[in-house]
Amino acid sequence: MANREDDFVARVGRRLGALRAERGLKQQQVADRLEVALKNLQRIEGGRQNLTLRTIFRVTRALGVAPEAAVVEGALGEFLKVEPGAIKSASPLAPRPVPVFRIEAAAGFARDGQLAEVVGWAILPQAVDERHFICRVEGDSMQPDVPSGSWNLFKRTIELPTPGKVVLVELDQFEVGGRYVVKRLDRLERRKGVLKLVLSSRNADYAPLTLESSPTTLRVLAEHVAVIRQGR
């Protein structure tokens, strides 16, 4: 157990060092921001310092990234460019941070129930507003338009979208395997408190999907805007 704990501490330390280097910061600069001795930061990055959650929070704040970036590597880690508090303090002229949600929407059958939890923020070149967000799409039913494993930008809907759009649908109490699914909206009907959706796939191997329920258990959450990164 101790070896696994030591490996984890070392990995987080290396990750913090990599995040610092990516931002062009010297160790002394970060140590000054933290108001600690240089040797203490060197111990952290070298994996020789036992890390508390408070320490991780302070170091990532000094680096200008979300705390989760210290322990999440790969594609998601690359999105965690701005700590959540920045969305409140950003000036009107600054790029708007876009929330990254910890959900995997299925292009196929919906995945098991998941919590829509914000895990970080991204700065994108596209013009965005408060309705935009990012999540990952898994499955090949919407390929090649929406590749499996890709990170995608969505925009929350205010009204029910018109047919022809690729949409993110939240499912509840359906026997299709989970909560979120990405499909093309072919037909939409709403009458007597019942919402009916006919959804199709880009991949011809997948049959159309018809869902019918009350709007409280079947919701069109957002329209697909763009694929912003492929792969994990």
C-alpha atoms as a PDB file:
ATOM      1  CA  MET A   1       0.000   0.000   0.000  1.00  0.00           C
ATOM      2  CA  ALA A   2       2.812   2.404   0.921  1.00  0.00           C
ATOM      3  CA  ASN A   3       4.453   1.938  -2.479  1.00  0.00           C
ATOM      4  CA  ARG A   4       1.211   2.783  -4.263  1.00  0.00           C
ATOM      5  CA  GLU A   5       0.779   5.882  -2.117  1.00  0.00           C
ATOM      6  CA  ASP A   6       4.366   6.942  -2.813  1.00  0.00           C
ATOM      7  CA  ASP A   7       3.842   6.398  -6.543  1.00  0.00           C
ATOM      8  CA  PHE A   8       0.714   8.541  -6.470  1.00  0.00           C
ATOM      9  CA  VAL A   9       2.459  11.376  -4.597  1.00  0.00           C
ATOM     10  CA  ALA A  10       5.363  11.216  -7.055  1.00  0.00           C
ATOM     11  CA  ARG A  11       2.988  11.280 -10.031  1.00  0.00           C
ATOM     12  CA  VAL A  12       1.114  14.305  -8.684  1.00  0.00           C
ATOM     13  CA  GLY A  13       4.412  16.060  -8.002  1.00  0.00           C
ATOM     14  CA  ARG A  14       5.595  15.449 -11.562  1.00  0.00           C
ATOM     15  CA  ARG A  15       2.244  16.656 -12.862  1.00  0.00           C
ATOM     16  CA  LEU A  16       2.524  19.895 -10.895  1.00  0.00           C
ATOM     17  CA  GLY A  17       6.026  20.400 -12.239  1.00  0.00           C
ATOM     18  CA  ALA A  18       4.817  19.804 -15.799  1.00  0.00           C
ATOM     19  CA  LEU A  19       1.941  22.270 -15.367  1.00  0.00           C
ATOM     20  CA  ARG A  20       4.397  24.869 -14.091  1.00  0.00           C
ATOM     21  CA  ALA A  21       6.762  24.315 -17.024  1.00  0.00           C
ATOM     22  CA  GLU A  22       3.903  24.480 -19.551  1.00  0.00           C
ATOM     23  CA  ARG A  23       3.129  27.955 -18.270  1.00  0.00           C
ATOM     24  CA  GLY A  24       6.721  29.132 -18.530  1.00  0.00           C
ATOM     25  CA  LEU A  25       7.087  29.610 -14.782  1.00  0.00           C
ATOM     26  CA  LYS A  26      10.311  29.040 -12.863  1.00  0.00           C
ATOM     27  CA  GLN A  27      10.270  27.189  -9.571  1.00  0.00           C
ATOM     28  CA  GLN A  28      11.318  30.320  -7.699  1.00  0.00           C
ATOM     29  CA  GLN A  29       8.390  32.282  -9.146  1.00  0.00           C
ATOM     30  CA  VAL A  30       5.885  29.703  -7.930  1.00  0.00           C
ATOM     31  CA  ALA A  31       7.610  29.411  -4.558  1.00  0.00           C
ATOM     32  CA  ASP A  32       7.335  33.188  -4.168  1.00  0.00           C
ATOM     33  CA  ARG A  33       3.617  33.063  -4.978  1.00  0.00           C
ATOM     34  CA  LEU A  34       3.173  30.368  -2.348  1.00  0.00           C
ATOM     35  CA  GLU A  35       5.411  32.201   0.118  1.00  0.00           C
ATOM     36  CA  VAL A  36       7.437  29.051   0.750  1.00  0.00           C
ATOM     37  CA  ALA A  37      11.120  28.217   0.437  1.00  0.00           C
ATOM     38  CA  LEU A  38      12.316  27.036  -2.977  1.00  0.00           C
ATOM     39  CA  LYS A  39      13.437  23.708  -1.497  1.00  0.00           C
ATOM     40  CA  ASN A  40       9.872  23.007  -0.339  1.00  0.00           C
ATOM     41  CA  LEU A  41       8.494  23.375  -3.864  1.00  0.00           C
ATOM     42  CA  GLN A  42      11.329  21.220  -5.179  1.00  0.00           C
ATOM     43  CA  ARG A  43      10.345  18.522  -2.689  1.00  0.00           C
ATOM     44  CA  ILE A  44       6.723  18.714  -3.889  1.00  0.00           C
ATOM     45  CA  GLU A  45       7.632  18.422  -7.568  1.00  0.00           C
ATOM     46  CA  GLY A  46      10.134  15.692  -6.770  1.00  0.00           C
ATOM     47  CA  GLY A  47       7.481  13.587  -5.038  1.00  0.00           C
ATOM     48  CA  ARG A  48       9.268  13.800  -1.699  1.00  0.00           C
ATOM     49  CA  GLN A  49       6.609  15.854   0.085  1.00  0.00           C
ATOM     50  CA  ASN A  50       3.417  14.314   1.451  1.00  0.00           C
ATOM     51  CA  LEU A  51       0.627  16.306  -0.212  1.00  0.00           C
ATOM     52  CA  THR A  52      -2.565  17.355   1.500  1.00  0.00           C
ATOM     53  CA  LEU A  53      -5.608  18.531  -0.437  1.00  0.00           C
ATOM     54  CA  ARG A  54      -4.947  22.011   0.906  1.00  0.00           C
ATOM     55  CA  THR A  55      -1.409  21.947  -0.508  1.00  0.00           C
ATOM     56  CA  ILE A  56      -2.639  20.770  -3.920  1.00  0.00           C
ATOM     57  CA  PHE A  57      -5.244  23.533  -3.926  1.00  0.00           C
ATOM     58  CA  ARG A  58      -2.675  26.218  -3.083  1.00  0.00           C
ATOM     59  CA  VAL A  59      -0.146  25.059  -5.686  1.00  0.00           C
ATOM     60  CA  THR A  60      -2.696  24.749  -8.500  1.00  0.00           C
ATOM     61  CA  ARG A  61      -4.111  28.164  -7.627  1.00  0.00           C
ATOM     62  CA  ALA A  62      -0.608  29.607  -7.892  1.00  0.00           C
ATOM     63  CA  LEU A  63      -0.346  27.981 -11.332  1.00  0.00           C
ATOM     64  CA  GLY A  64      -3.750  29.301 -12.418  1.00  0.00           C
ATOM     65  CA  VAL A  65      -5.318  25.891 -13.039  1.00  0.00           C
ATOM     66  CA  ALA A  66      -8.135  23.896 -11.488  1.00  0.00           C
ATOM     67  CA  PRO A  67      -7.118  21.596  -8.602  1.00  0.00           C
ATOM     68  CA  GLU A  68      -8.270  18.559 -10.618  1.00  0.00           C
ATOM     69  CA  ALA A  69      -5.515  19.249 -13.150  1.00  0.00           C
ATOM     70  CA  ALA A  70      -2.997  17.925 -10.616  1.00  0.00           C
ATOM     71  CA  VAL A  71      -4.441  14.425 -10.712  1.00  0.00           C
ATOM     72  CA  VAL A  72      -6.091  14.204 -14.157  1.00  0.00           C
ATOM     73  CA  GLU A  73      -3.806  13.690 -17.115  1.00  0.00           C
ATOM     74  CA  GLY A  74      -4.490  13.423 -20.818  1.00  0.00           C
ATOM     75  CA  ALA A  75      -7.250  15.195 -22.704  1.00  0.00           C
ATOM     76  CA  LEU A  76      -9.297  16.252 -19.691  1.00  0.00           C
ATOM     77  CA  GLY A  77      -6.234  17.572 -17.909  1.00  0.00           C
ATOM     78  CA  GLU A  78      -5.440  19.713 -20.930  1.00  0.00           C
ATOM     79  CA  PHE A  79      -8.825  21.401 -20.635  1.00  0.00           C
ATOM     80  CA  LEU A  80      -8.326  22.464 -17.038  1.00  0.00           C
ATOM     81  CA  LYS A  81      -6.755  25.805 -17.871  1.00  0.00           C
ATOM     82  CA  VAL A  82      -8.735  28.088 -15.574  1.00  0.00           C
ATOM     83  CA  GLU A  83      -9.773  27.603 -11.977  1.00  0.00           C
ATOM     84  CA  PRO A  84     -13.559  27.812 -11.415  1.00  0.00           C
ATOM     85  CA  GLY A  85     -13.351  31.123  -9.545  1.00  0.00           C
ATOM     86  CA  ALA A  86     -11.995  32.799 -12.664  1.00  0.00           C
ATOM     87  CA  ILE A  87     -15.405  32.790 -14.287  1.00  0.00           C
ATOM     88  CA  LYS A  88     -16.567  35.287 -11.664  1.00  0.00           C
ATOM     89  CA  SER A  89     -13.531  37.544 -11.866  1.00  0.00           C
ATOM     90  CA  ALA A  90     -12.896  37.560 -15.621  1.00  0.00           C
ATOM     91  CA  SER A  91     -13.225  40.990 -17.193  1.00  0.00           C
ATOM     92  CA  PRO A  92     -15.855  41.557 -19.920  1.00  0.00           C
ATOM     93  CA  LEU A  93     -13.046  41.654 -22.490  1.00  0.00           C
ATOM     94  CA  ALA A  94     -11.446  38.393 -21.358  1.00  0.00           C
ATOM     95  CA  PRO A  95     -12.301  35.076 -23.055  1.00  0.00           C
ATOM     96  CA  ARG A  96     -15.223  33.373 -21.333  1.00  0.00           C
ATOM     97  CA  PRO A  97     -14.292  30.100 -19.609  1.00  0.00           C
ATOM     98  CA  VAL A  98     -16.424  27.139 -20.714  1.00  0.00           C
ATOM     99  CA  PRO A  99     -17.318  24.459 -18.132  1.00  0.00           C
ATOM    100  CA  VAL A 100     -16.101  20.911 -18.688  1.00  0.00           C
ATOM    101  CA  PHE A 101     -18.558  18.332 -17.353  1.00  0.00           C
ATOM    102  CA  ARG A 102     -17.691  14.908 -16.019  1.00  0.00           C
ATOM    103  CA  ILE A 103     -20.197  13.032 -18.166  1.00  0.00           C
ATOM    104  CA  GLU A 104     -19.696  10.752 -21.125  1.00  0.00           C
ATOM    105  CA  ALA A 105     -22.577  11.029 -23.560  1.00  0.00           C
ATOM    106  CA  ALA A 106     -23.106   7.917 -25.630  1.00  0.00           C
ATOM    107  CA  ALA A 107     -23.283   7.912 -29.400  1.00  0.00           C
ATOM    108  CA  GLY A 108     -24.949   4.529 -29.363  1.00  0.00           C
ATOM    109  CA  PHE A 109     -26.734   3.452 -26.214  1.00  0.00           C
ATOM    110  CA  ALA A 110     -26.747   5.745 -23.206  1.00  0.00           C
ATOM    111  CA  ARG A 111     -24.221   5.012 -20.508  1.00  0.00           C
ATOM    112  CA  ASP A 112     -24.987   4.203 -16.890  1.00  0.00           C
ATOM    113  CA  GLY A 113     -26.407   6.996 -14.749  1.00  0.00           C
ATOM    114  CA  GLN A 114     -23.872   9.763 -14.243  1.00  0.00           C
ATOM    115  CA  LEU A 115     -23.657  13.020 -12.327  1.00  0.00           C
ATOM    116  CA  ALA A 116     -23.255  16.160 -14.415  1.00  0.00           C
ATOM    117  CA  GLU A 117     -20.379  17.557 -12.356  1.00  0.00           C
ATOM    118  CA  VAL A 118     -18.179  20.461 -13.448  1.00  0.00           C
ATOM    119  CA  VAL A 119     -14.547  19.377 -13.225  1.00  0.00           C
ATOM    120  CA  GLY A 120     -12.828  22.323 -14.869  1.00  0.00           C
ATOM    121  CA  TRP A 121     -12.954  25.204 -17.302  1.00  0.00           C
ATOM    122  CA  ALA A 122     -11.606  25.679 -20.814  1.00  0.00           C
ATOM    123  CA  ILE A 123     -10.690  28.698 -22.898  1.00  0.00           C
ATOM    124  CA  LEU A 124     -11.753  28.178 -26.517  1.00  0.00           C
ATOM    125  CA  PRO A 125     -11.170  30.207 -29.689  1.00  0.00           C
ATOM    126  CA  GLN A 126     -14.886  30.064 -30.544  1.00  0.00           C
ATOM    127  CA  ALA A 127     -17.307  32.780 -29.473  1.00  0.00           C
ATOM    128  CA  VAL A 128     -19.232  31.320 -26.534  1.00  0.00           C
ATOM    129  CA  ASP A 129     -21.739  32.388 -23.901  1.00  0.00           C
ATOM    130  CA  GLU A 130     -23.019  31.050 -20.583  1.00  0.00           C
ATOM    131  CA  ARG A 131     -25.025  28.310 -22.326  1.00  0.00           C
ATOM    132  CA  HIS A 132     -21.985  26.510 -23.775  1.00  0.00           C
ATOM    133  CA  PHE A 133     -20.302  23.514 -22.141  1.00  0.00           C
ATOM    134  CA  ILE A 134     -17.975  20.621 -22.975  1.00  0.00           C
ATOM    135  CA  CYS A 135     -18.343  16.879 -22.491  1.00  0.00           C
ATOM    136  CA  ARG A 136     -17.003  13.719 -24.095  1.00  0.00           C
ATOM    137  CA  VAL A 137     -18.911  11.490 -26.515  1.00  0.00           C
ATOM    138  CA  GLU A 138     -18.309   7.734 -26.539  1.00  0.00           C
ATOM    139  CA  GLY A 139     -19.498   5.276 -29.185  1.00  0.00           C
ATOM    140  CA  ASP A 140     -19.428   5.074 -32.962  1.00  0.00           C
ATOM    141  CA  SER A 141     -23.049   5.650 -33.984  1.00  0.00           C
ATOM    142  CA  MET A 142     -22.383   9.292 -34.937  1.00  0.00           C
ATOM    143  CA  GLN A 143     -19.070   8.714 -36.701  1.00  0.00           C
ATOM    144  CA  PRO A 144     -17.461  10.277 -38.635  1.00  0.00           C
ATOM    145  CA  ASP A 145     -19.211  13.519 -37.654  1.00  0.00           C
ATOM    146  CA  VAL A 146     -18.721  12.931 -33.917  1.00  0.00           C
ATOM    147  CA  PRO A 147     -15.778  10.546 -33.353  1.00  0.00           C
ATOM    148  CA  SER A 148     -15.848   8.175 -30.408  1.00  0.00           C
ATOM    149  CA  GLY A 149     -13.840   9.505 -27.474  1.00  0.00           C
ATOM    150  CA  SER A 150     -13.921  13.083 -28.755  1.00  0.00           C
ATOM    151  CA  TRP A 151     -14.479  16.183 -26.637  1.00  0.00           C
ATOM    152  CA  ASN A 152     -17.384  18.236 -27.921  1.00  0.00           C
ATOM    153  CA  LEU A 153     -18.825  21.696 -27.471  1.00  0.00           C
ATOM    154  CA  PHE A 154     -22.581  21.863 -26.829  1.00  0.00           C
ATOM    155  CA  LYS A 155     -25.000  24.740 -26.302  1.00  0.00           C
ATOM    156  CA  ARG A 156     -27.895  24.366 -23.889  1.00  0.00           C
ATOM    157  CA  THR A 157     -31.302  24.719 -25.473  1.00  0.00           C
ATOM    158  CA  ILE A 158     -33.869  27.280 -24.348  1.00  0.00           C
ATOM    159  CA  GLU A 159     -36.655  25.923 -26.527  1.00  0.00           C
ATOM    160  CA  LEU A 160     -37.064  22.540 -28.166  1.00  0.00           C
ATOM    161  CA  PRO A 161     -34.775  22.435 -31.229  1.00  0.00           C
ATOM    162  CA  THR A 162     -35.921  21.959 -34.789  1.00  0.00           C
ATOM    163  CA  PRO A 163     -35.437  18.532 -36.408  1.00  0.00           C
ATOM    164  CA  GLY A 164     -32.171  17.979 -38.212  1.00  0.00           C
ATOM    165  CA  LYS A 165     -29.961  19.044 -35.303  1.00  0.00           C
ATOM    166  CA  VAL A 166     -27.525  16.765 -33.470  1.00  0.00           C
ATOM    167  CA  VAL A 167     -28.631  16.937 -29.852  1.00  0.00           C
ATOM    168  CA  LEU A 168     -27.686  15.785 -26.369  1.00  0.00           C
ATOM    169  CA  VAL A 169     -30.639  14.040 -24.732  1.00  0.00           C
ATOM    170  CA  GLU A 170     -31.006  13.200 -21.056  1.00  0.00           C
ATOM    171  CA  LEU A 171     -32.862   9.967 -20.390  1.00  0.00           C
ATOM    172  CA  ASP A 172     -34.526   8.895 -17.190  1.00  0.00           C
ATOM    173  CA  GLN A 173     -36.230   5.547 -16.511  1.00  0.00           C
ATOM    174  CA  PHE A 174     -35.620   4.174 -19.989  1.00  0.00           C
ATOM    175  CA  GLU A 175     -34.234   0.719 -20.639  1.00  0.00           C
ATOM    176  CA  VAL A 176     -31.465   1.877 -22.924  1.00  0.00           C
ATOM    177  CA  GLY A 177     -28.629   1.645 -20.454  1.00  0.00           C
ATOM    178  CA  GLY A 178     -28.084   5.058 -18.904  1.00  0.00           C
ATOM    179  CA  ARG A 179     -28.584   8.821 -18.858  1.00  0.00           C
ATOM    180  CA  TYR A 180     -27.080  10.757 -21.779  1.00  0.00           C
ATOM    181  CA  VAL A 181     -27.155  10.073 -25.512  1.00  0.00           C
ATOM    182  CA  VAL A 182     -26.091  12.030 -28.617  1.00  0.00           C
ATOM    183  CA  LYS A 183     -28.188  11.558 -31.762  1.00  0.00           C
ATOM    184  CA  ARG A 184     -29.666  13.394 -34.723  1.00  0.00           C
ATOM    185  CA  LEU A 185     -33.163  14.668 -33.973  1.00  0.00           C
ATOM    186  CA  ASP A 186     -35.421  13.504 -36.815  1.00  0.00           C
ATOM    187  CA  ARG A 187     -38.842  14.189 -35.363  1.00  0.00           C
ATOM    188  CA  LEU A 188     -40.257  15.824 -32.267  1.00  0.00           C
ATOM    189  CA  GLU A 189     -43.848  15.790 -31.036  1.00  0.00           C
ATOM    190  CA  ARG A 190     -45.273  17.265 -27.870  1.00  0.00           C
ATOM    191  CA  ARG A 191     -48.901  16.831 -26.897  1.00  0.00           C
ATOM    192  CA  LYS A 192     -50.936  16.245 -23.748  1.00  0.00           C
ATOM    193  CA  GLY A 193     -47.877  16.384 -21.527  1.00  0.00           C
ATOM    194  CA  VAL A 194     -46.002  13.740 -23.523  1.00  0.00           C
ATOM    195  CA  LEU A 195     -42.773  14.340 -25.433  1.00  0.00           C
ATOM    196  CA  LYS A 196     -41.899  12.001 -28.297  1.00  0.00           C
ATOM    197  CA  LEU A 197     -38.483  12.002 -29.952  1.00  0.00           C
ATOM    198  CA  VAL A 198     -37.351  10.059 -32.995  1.00  0.00           C
ATOM    199  CA  LEU A 199     -33.556   9.952 -33.054  1.00  0.00           C
ATOM    200  CA  SER A 200     -31.213   8.583 -35.696  1.00  0.00           C
ATOM    201  CA  SER A 201     -27.521   7.810 -36.056  1.00  0.00           C
ATOM    202  CA  ARG A 202     -24.932   8.792 -38.631  1.00  0.00           C
ATOM    203  CA  ASN A 203     -23.723   5.190 -38.696  1.00  0.00           C
ATOM    204  CA  ALA A 204     -26.108   3.010 -40.732  1.00  0.00           C
ATOM    205  CA  ASP A 205     -25.449   0.043 -38.432  1.00  0.00           C
ATOM    206  CA  TYR A 206     -27.632   1.676 -35.772  1.00  0.00           C
ATOM    207  CA  ALA A 207     -31.420   1.651 -35.995  1.00  0.00           C
ATOM    208  CA  PRO A 208     -33.477   4.772 -35.228  1.00  0.00           C
ATOM    209  CA  LEU A 209     -34.409   5.259 -31.589  1.00  0.00           C
ATOM    210  CA  THR A 210     -37.901   6.359 -30.536  1.00  0.00           C
ATOM    211  CA  LEU A 211     -38.393   7.714 -27.020  1.00  0.00           C
ATOM    212  CA  GLU A 212     -41.664   8.837 -25.502  1.00  0.00           C
ATOM    213  CA  SER A 213     -42.282  10.146 -22.000  1.00  0.00           C
ATOM    214  CA  SER A 214     -43.122  13.231 -19.973  1.00  0.00           C
ATOM    215  CA  PRO A 215     -40.795  16.235 -20.346  1.00  0.00           C
ATOM    216  CA  THR A 216     -39.638  15.661 -16.765  1.00  0.00           C
ATOM    217  CA  THR A 217     -38.032  12.328 -17.662  1.00  0.00           C
ATOM    218  CA  LEU A 218     -37.013  13.054 -21.256  1.00  0.00           C
ATOM    219  CA  ARG A 219     -35.138  16.257 -21.982  1.00  0.00           C
ATOM    220  CA  VAL A 220     -33.286  17.695 -24.954  1.00  0.00           C
ATOM    221  CA  LEU A 221     -30.473  19.402 -23.083  1.00  0.00           C
ATOM    222  CA  ALA A 222     -28.331  20.910 -25.813  1.00  0.00           C
ATOM    223  CA  GLU A 223     -27.421  21.165 -29.470  1.00  0.00           C
ATOM    224  CA  HIS A 224     -24.064  19.955 -30.733  1.00  0.00           C
ATOM    225  CA  VAL A 225     -21.815  22.816 -31.841  1.00  0.00           C
ATOM    226  CA  ALA A 226     -18.425  21.361 -32.729  1.00  0.00           C
ATOM    227  CA  VAL A 227     -15.847  18.656 -32.126  1.00  0.00           C
ATOM    228  CA  ILE A 228     -13.042  20.450 -30.319  1.00  0.00           C
ATOM    229  CA  ARG A 229     -10.655  17.549 -29.725  1.00  0.00           C
ATOM    230  CA  GLN A 230     -10.490  13.975 -30.923  1.00  0.00           C
ATOM    231  CA  GLY A 231      -9.279  11.063 -28.838  1.00  0.00           C
ATOM    232  CA  ARG A 232      -8.692  10.838 -25.119  1.00  0.00           C
END
